[in-house]
Structures are given as C-alpha cells and as structure tokens.
C-alpha cells in the first residue's frame, strides 16, 4: 500500500509542477492584432494567423482579433490565410514583428482593397494605351447579397474616353 501512495504522491506532485508557472513564462511574449477584410470593409473571422516556420499560431475571432501566446523573444514574420485569399488569388506578404520578453506586440493584417489589387495586378505604367481595369462586386439589388457566380462583359465604344 505504501508504494501505491508514494506513486500517487509523485503523480500529483508532477501534475502540480506542470501546472505551476515557471520562470520560462517570463521569457515569452505575445503577438496580438486584428485581421481586416478591406474589400468587405469588416473584420475577418476564422483567419489562420501564424508565425512563419514556427508552431506558433492562432485563429481570428468574429471581431477579427487574434492572440499568439508564449512566443519566445526574436524576430518573426507574421502571415495569415483565409479562403477569401484563395478566391481572390492573392497572398499578402509577411509582416515583421520583433517579440521581446514579456511584451505584447500588435500587428495589423488585411486583405488588400480592390484599388490595391487592381494596382498590383495591372501595373499602370506597363499597360498598353487604351487598356484599363475594372473591379467591383455584384450584388442583388433587393437583398444586397453578393452574387458569387456572375459573368460580366464590358465594352467601350471606339473614340470615347474618360480622362481626368
């Protein structure tokens, strides 16, 4: 019976030691922030936010907020992924963050706006004379629900221009 009690005491002590705050806890920081959808102009929920090439990650909440805890001090690249990015065919670049001991380090992440997407996908300096780009969102006029599968065509009569 003594061996069983001793085994139980060792198991309890081990469990309590694992739960107790350690001095290593003081050596970590947090990366916090918000993921924003610049196209729909609202916070982006369910975005996977991660520090590149590490196991540190979080998922943004309904308000777009996230917190990555227990990050050791160092220089990191913060990235995020969301199905919206795949649908748009874009990947925002990494955001650098320097984590310091015990610090809370804010980072802002966003899906680029329509204007930014058009600028990056159709460099205005390289476009041929008369070429342009149109971007937008199609919605049902009564329900204001986005139309996901829509084919659109646009033409511009020769000789007409709109210059500012």
Protein backbone atom coordinates (compact mmCIF):
# COMPACT_ATOMS: atom_id res chain seq x y z
CA UNK A 1 0.00 0.00 0.00
CA UNK A 2 2.90 2.36 0.76
CA UNK A 3 4.21 2.03 -2.82
CA UNK A 4 0.79 2.92 -4.25
CA UNK A 5 0.52 6.04 -2.04
CA UNK A 6 4.04 7.09 -2.97
CA UNK A 7 3.25 6.61 -6.67
CA UNK A 8 0.11 8.75 -6.25
CA UNK A 9 2.06 11.48 -4.42
CA UNK A 10 4.70 11.56 -7.16
CA UNK A 11 2.00 11.75 -9.83
CA UNK A 12 0.23 14.62 -8.02
CA UNK A 13 3.49 16.50 -7.47
CA UNK A 14 4.36 16.09 -11.15
CA UNK A 15 0.95 17.36 -12.21
CA UNK A 16 1.16 20.38 -9.88
CA UNK A 17 4.68 21.16 -11.10
CA UNK A 18 3.46 21.07 -14.71
CA UNK A 19 0.63 23.48 -13.87
CA UNK A 20 2.75 25.87 -11.82
CA UNK A 21 4.05 28.98 -13.57
CA UNK A 22 7.69 28.60 -14.44
CA UNK A 23 10.43 31.17 -14.76
CA UNK A 24 10.42 30.41 -18.50
CA UNK A 25 6.98 32.08 -18.68
CA UNK A 26 8.61 35.44 -18.05
CA UNK A 27 10.76 34.96 -21.15
CA UNK A 28 7.90 34.87 -23.64
CA UNK A 29 5.76 37.49 -25.32
CA UNK A 30 2.50 37.76 -27.26
CA UNK A 31 1.68 38.78 -30.80
CA UNK A 32 -1.79 40.32 -30.96
CA UNK A 33 -3.78 42.07 -33.62
CA UNK A 34 -6.71 42.27 -35.98
CA UNK A 35 -7.26 40.75 -39.41
CA UNK A 36 -9.34 43.04 -41.63
CA UNK A 37 -11.09 42.45 -44.95
CA UNK A 38 -10.55 45.67 -46.89
CA UNK A 39 -12.90 44.55 -49.66
CA UNK A 40 -15.97 43.97 -47.48
CA UNK A 41 -14.75 46.63 -45.03
CA UNK A 42 -15.19 44.50 -41.92
CA UNK A 43 -13.11 42.35 -39.55
CA UNK A 44 -12.17 38.94 -40.92
CA UNK A 45 -13.08 35.95 -38.75
CA UNK A 46 -11.63 32.45 -38.99
CA UNK A 47 -8.32 33.59 -40.47
CA UNK A 48 -5.36 31.33 -39.68
CA UNK A 49 -2.60 33.59 -38.34
CA UNK A 50 0.86 32.16 -37.84
CA UNK A 51 4.50 32.97 -37.30
CA UNK A 52 6.39 31.64 -40.32
CA UNK A 53 8.37 28.45 -39.80
CA UNK A 54 7.26 28.04 -36.17
CA UNK A 55 4.49 26.16 -34.34
CA UNK A 56 3.00 29.46 -33.08
CA UNK A 57 -0.44 30.20 -34.48
CA UNK A 58 -3.97 31.43 -33.73
CA UNK A 59 -7.36 31.83 -35.41
CA UNK A 60 -9.08 35.22 -35.60
CA UNK A 61 -12.41 35.56 -33.81
CA UNK A 62 -15.66 37.11 -35.05
CA UNK A 63 -14.16 40.55 -34.37
CA UNK A 64 -11.04 39.71 -36.40
CA UNK A 65 -8.86 39.73 -33.26
CA UNK A 66 -6.18 37.14 -32.55
CA UNK A 67 -3.51 36.46 -29.92
CA UNK A 68 -0.50 34.20 -30.35
CA UNK A 69 0.78 33.39 -26.85
CA UNK A 70 4.02 32.03 -25.39
CA UNK A 71 6.26 33.31 -28.19
CA UNK A 72 9.98 33.31 -27.35
CA UNK A 73 11.83 36.59 -27.97
CA UNK A 74 13.06 37.01 -31.52
CA UNK A 75 12.34 38.34 -35.00
CA UNK A 76 9.37 36.72 -36.78
CA UNK A 77 7.29 37.05 -39.94
CA UNK A 78 3.52 37.09 -39.33
CA UNK A 79 1.31 35.71 -42.09
CA UNK A 80 -2.33 34.80 -42.40
CA UNK A 81 -4.52 32.65 -44.61
CA UNK A 82 -8.24 32.70 -45.29
CA UNK A 83 -10.36 31.10 -48.01
CA UNK A 84 -11.11 34.62 -49.31
CA UNK A 85 -7.45 34.97 -50.25
CA UNK A 86 -7.64 31.79 -52.31
CA UNK A 87 -10.78 33.03 -54.06
CA UNK A 88 -9.05 36.31 -54.90
CA UNK A 89 -5.82 34.58 -55.91
CA UNK A 90 -3.71 36.83 -53.68
CA UNK A 91 -1.33 36.35 -50.80
CA UNK A 92 -0.47 39.37 -48.66
CA UNK A 93 3.17 39.44 -47.75
CA UNK A 94 4.61 38.82 -44.31
CA UNK A 95 4.55 41.46 -41.58
CA UNK A 96 7.74 41.56 -39.49
CA UNK A 97 7.48 41.62 -35.69
CA UNK A 98 10.19 41.74 -33.02
CA UNK A 99 8.99 39.90 -29.91
CA UNK A 100 10.55 40.95 -26.62
CA UNK A 101 10.37 39.32 -23.19
CA UNK A 102 7.00 39.87 -21.55
CA UNK A 103 5.90 42.20 -24.34
CA UNK A 104 2.63 42.41 -26.20
CA UNK A 105 3.30 43.17 -29.85
CA UNK A 106 0.40 44.46 -32.02
CA UNK A 107 0.22 43.58 -35.71
CA UNK A 108 -2.35 44.65 -38.32
CA UNK A 109 -3.16 42.23 -41.13
CA UNK A 110 -5.55 42.79 -44.04
CA UNK A 111 -6.91 41.50 -47.30
CA UNK A 112 -5.89 44.23 -49.76
CA UNK A 113 -8.53 46.68 -51.01
CA UNK A 114 -9.90 46.49 -54.56
CA UNK A 115 -7.82 49.51 -55.53
CA UNK A 116 -4.65 47.87 -54.23
CA UNK A 117 -5.46 44.61 -56.01
CA UNK A 118 -6.02 46.42 -59.31
CA UNK A 119 -2.79 48.41 -58.92
CA UNK A 120 -0.72 45.32 -58.15
CA UNK A 121 -2.27 43.10 -60.82
CA UNK A 122 -2.36 45.70 -63.57
CA UNK A 123 0.63 47.98 -63.22
CA UNK A 124 -0.50 51.24 -64.71
CA UNK A 125 2.96 52.10 -66.09
CA UNK A 126 3.07 48.89 -68.12
CA UNK A 127 -0.40 48.93 -69.60
CA UNK A 128 -0.89 49.49 -73.30
CA UNK A 129 -2.55 52.70 -74.46
CA UNK A 130 -6.33 52.40 -74.13
CA UNK A 131 -6.21 49.46 -71.69
CA UNK A 132 -7.67 49.64 -68.20
CA UNK A 133 -9.13 47.62 -65.41
CA UNK A 134 -12.50 47.43 -63.74
CA UNK A 135 -13.09 45.94 -60.31
CA UNK A 136 -16.22 45.64 -58.29
CA UNK A 137 -18.73 43.47 -56.55
CA UNK A 138 -22.06 42.34 -57.95
CA UNK A 139 -24.96 42.31 -55.51
CA UNK A 140 -28.64 41.51 -55.75
CA UNK A 141 -30.49 44.84 -55.82
CA UNK A 142 -33.24 43.72 -53.45
CA UNK A 143 -31.43 41.53 -50.92
CA UNK A 144 -27.97 43.15 -51.11
CA UNK A 145 -26.49 39.61 -51.13
CA UNK A 146 -23.28 39.17 -53.11
CA UNK A 147 -23.69 37.26 -56.36
CA UNK A 148 -20.96 34.66 -56.33
CA UNK A 149 -21.23 33.25 -59.84
CA UNK A 150 -21.72 36.04 -62.30
CA UNK A 151 -20.38 36.50 -65.80
CA UNK A 152 -19.98 40.11 -66.84
CA UNK A 153 -18.91 41.83 -70.02
CA UNK A 154 -17.96 45.43 -70.65
CA UNK A 155 -17.35 47.32 -73.84
CA UNK A 156 -16.31 50.85 -74.60
CA UNK A 157 -17.10 52.42 -77.95
CA UNK A 158 -14.06 53.37 -80.03
CA UNK A 159 -13.20 57.00 -79.87
CA UNK A 160 -14.76 57.56 -76.43
CA UNK A 161 -12.54 58.21 -73.48
CA UNK A 162 -12.86 59.35 -69.94
CA UNK A 163 -9.73 61.14 -68.80
CA UNK A 164 -9.24 63.14 -65.65
